Amino acid sequence: MLRILTAATRRDTSTLFLKRFMSSTSNNNNVGAADFPVQASITSKLMEALEPSALRVINESHMHNVPKNSETHFKVVVVSSKFDDVKALIKRHRIVNSILSEEIATEGPVHALSIVAKTPAQWKEMELTGNGKVVIDKSPNCRGGDGSLPSK
């Protein structure tokens, strides 16, 4: 069973849909620090710093040319009212990058981080626009950034 991290006080339909969206993805936030320490660290830091109404940390390493059970490529979907006054998307990404500075440092374990950072109102608007469905774009396929794939 997937554990969804949401604020206990949010009960509106966008949060309910977000719960369905989050539980439909293949990875979950209910990870043990011993089994997946990087994912657990990312989840913990974002929960503490952003107090999100919803958070999904998805390990996408399996989509890339890395050993099995690696923790190198992640997608973060975070909905937080702390983004209400931060209009520029790049500034939201910088906030998340700053929170995860140890993980994404040159010598850190994370090679790639995809970020979807929304306010609760934006998420609700996405839900309304999509007739009750919110679609998060799929991350791009591995392009062999480590030089391991043959040239085209």
Protein backbone atom coordinates (compact mmCIF):
# COMPACT_ATOMS: atom_id res chain seq x y z
CA MET A 1 0.00 0.00 0.00
CA LEU A 2 1.27 3.45 -0.88
CA ARG A 3 1.49 6.09 1.80
CA ILE A 4 0.61 9.56 0.57
CA LEU A 5 1.97 12.53 2.46
CA THR A 6 -0.72 15.18 2.70
CA ALA A 7 -1.66 17.81 5.23
CA ALA A 8 -4.28 16.43 7.60
CA THR A 9 -6.38 19.56 7.31
CA ARG A 10 -6.77 19.52 3.50
CA ARG A 11 -9.92 17.72 2.47
CA ASP A 12 -10.86 19.40 -0.82
CA THR A 13 -11.26 17.59 -4.11
CA SER A 14 -7.91 18.65 -5.52
CA THR A 15 -6.17 16.94 -2.63
CA LEU A 16 -8.30 13.85 -3.12
CA PHE A 17 -7.37 13.78 -6.79
CA LEU A 18 -3.75 14.39 -5.92
CA LYS A 19 -3.90 11.36 -3.63
CA ARG A 20 -5.21 9.29 -6.56
CA PHE A 21 -2.51 10.68 -8.87
CA MET A 22 0.20 10.03 -6.34
CA SER A 23 -0.93 6.48 -5.61
CA SER A 24 -1.03 5.66 -9.33
CA THR A 25 2.71 6.12 -9.76
CA SER A 26 5.07 3.19 -9.43
CA ASN A 27 7.24 4.41 -6.57
CA ASN A 28 6.17 5.60 -3.15
CA ASN A 29 7.21 7.79 -0.25
CA ASN A 30 6.85 4.94 2.24
CA VAL A 31 10.50 4.04 2.01
CA GLY A 32 12.89 3.05 4.73
CA ALA A 33 16.02 5.13 5.14
CA ALA A 34 18.07 1.93 5.25
CA ASP A 35 16.64 0.62 1.96
CA PHE A 36 16.51 3.90 0.02
CA PRO A 37 18.40 6.54 2.02
CA VAL A 38 18.53 9.17 -0.73
CA GLN A 39 14.78 9.04 -1.41
CA ALA A 40 14.09 9.10 2.34
CA SER A 41 16.37 12.12 2.78
CA ILE A 42 14.75 14.02 -0.09
CA THR A 43 11.28 13.29 1.29
CA SER A 44 12.22 14.30 4.83
CA LYS A 45 13.91 17.55 3.84
CA LEU A 46 11.08 18.67 1.55
CA MET A 47 8.42 17.79 4.14
CA GLU A 48 10.21 19.81 6.80
CA ALA A 49 11.06 22.84 4.67
CA LEU A 50 7.94 23.18 2.50
CA GLU A 51 5.18 21.67 4.65
CA PRO A 52 3.50 20.48 1.45
CA SER A 53 -0.15 19.62 1.14
CA ALA A 54 1.09 16.81 -1.10
CA LEU A 55 4.49 15.42 -1.99
CA ARG A 56 5.65 12.67 -4.28
CA VAL A 57 9.30 11.69 -4.60
CA ILE A 58 9.70 9.26 -7.49
CA ASN A 59 12.91 7.35 -8.09
CA GLU A 60 13.32 7.28 -11.87
CA SER A 61 16.77 5.71 -11.87
CA HIS A 62 15.41 2.56 -13.49
CA MET A 63 14.85 4.62 -16.67
CA HIS A 64 18.58 5.22 -16.99
CA ASN A 65 21.81 3.33 -17.54
CA VAL A 66 22.62 2.76 -13.85
CA PRO A 67 22.84 -0.34 -11.63
CA LYS A 68 19.60 -1.83 -10.27
CA ASN A 69 18.23 -0.10 -7.13
CA SER A 70 20.27 3.06 -7.80
CA GLU A 71 19.15 6.39 -6.41
CA THR A 72 20.50 8.82 -8.98
CA HIS A 73 17.49 10.18 -10.91
CA PHE A 74 14.38 11.60 -9.21
CA LYS A 75 11.15 13.42 -10.00
CA VAL A 76 9.62 15.54 -7.24
CA VAL A 77 5.98 16.61 -7.41
CA VAL A 78 5.33 19.07 -4.60
CA VAL A 79 2.25 21.17 -3.85
CA SER A 80 2.87 23.80 -1.19
CA SER A 81 1.36 27.09 -0.10
CA LYS A 82 4.95 28.27 0.45
CA PHE A 83 5.04 28.77 -3.32
CA ASP A 84 2.08 31.20 -3.21
CA ASP A 85 4.33 34.28 -3.29
CA VAL A 86 6.93 32.74 -5.60
CA LYS A 87 5.56 33.30 -9.09
CA ALA A 88 8.62 32.45 -11.20
CA LEU A 89 9.02 28.73 -11.80
CA ILE A 90 12.82 29.03 -11.81
CA LYS A 91 12.68 30.52 -8.30
CA ARG A 92 10.61 27.56 -7.08
CA HIS A 93 13.15 25.20 -8.59
CA ARG A 94 15.94 27.12 -6.87
CA ILE A 95 14.12 26.76 -3.55
CA VAL A 96 13.88 22.99 -4.01
CA ASN A 97 17.48 22.79 -5.25
CA SER A 98 18.63 24.77 -2.20
CA ILE A 99 16.79 22.43 0.16
CA LEU A 100 18.41 19.46 -1.57
CA SER A 101 21.85 21.04 -2.01
CA GLU A 102 23.70 18.11 -0.42
CA GLU A 103 21.96 15.55 -2.63
CA ILE A 104 22.53 17.45 -5.89
CA ALA A 105 26.08 18.67 -5.16
CA THR A 106 28.80 17.66 -7.63
CA GLU A 107 29.84 14.77 -5.40
CA GLY A 108 26.26 14.12 -4.21
CA PRO A 109 24.26 11.00 -5.05
CA VAL A 110 21.63 12.66 -7.28
CA HIS A 111 22.57 13.06 -10.94
CA ALA A 112 19.21 14.39 -12.19
CA LEU A 113 16.21 16.02 -10.52
CA SER A 114 12.93 16.81 -12.27
CA ILE A 115 10.74 19.24 -10.31
CA VAL A 116 7.01 19.96 -10.53
CA ALA A 117 6.34 22.71 -7.96
CA LYS A 118 2.76 24.00 -7.70
CA THR A 119 0.64 26.03 -5.35
CA PRO A 120 -2.59 24.42 -4.11
CA ALA A 121 -4.55 26.88 -6.29
CA GLN A 122 -2.50 25.98 -9.38
CA TRP A 123 -3.07 22.30 -8.73
CA LYS A 124 -6.79 22.86 -8.40
CA GLU A 125 -6.79 24.86 -11.67
CA MET A 126 -4.93 22.03 -13.41
CA GLU A 127 -7.58 19.66 -12.13
CA LEU A 128 -10.41 21.86 -13.39
CA THR A 129 -8.75 22.37 -16.78
CA GLY A 130 -8.21 18.64 -17.15
CA ASN A 131 -11.82 17.72 -16.30
CA GLY A 132 -10.78 16.25 -12.97
CA LYS A 133 -7.49 14.80 -14.17
CA VAL A 134 -4.04 16.25 -13.70
CA VAL A 135 -1.41 15.04 -16.11
CA ILE A 136 2.24 15.33 -15.15
CA ASP A 137 4.57 15.13 -18.12
CA LYS A 138 6.67 12.01 -18.38
CA SER A 139 10.36 12.53 -17.76
CA PRO A 140 12.54 12.35 -20.86
CA ASN A 141 14.30 9.13 -21.78
CA CYS A 142 17.94 8.72 -20.87
CA ARG A 143 20.17 10.41 -23.41
CA GLY A 144 23.37 8.69 -22.30
CA GLY A 145 24.79 11.72 -20.52
CA ASP A 146 27.47 9.57 -18.96
CA GLY A 147 28.83 8.67 -22.40
CA SER A 148 27.87 5.01 -22.13
CA LEU A 149 25.44 4.99 -25.06
CA PRO A 150 26.72 4.76 -28.65
CA SER A 151 26.64 7.89 -30.79
CA LYS A 152 23.75 8.24 -33.23
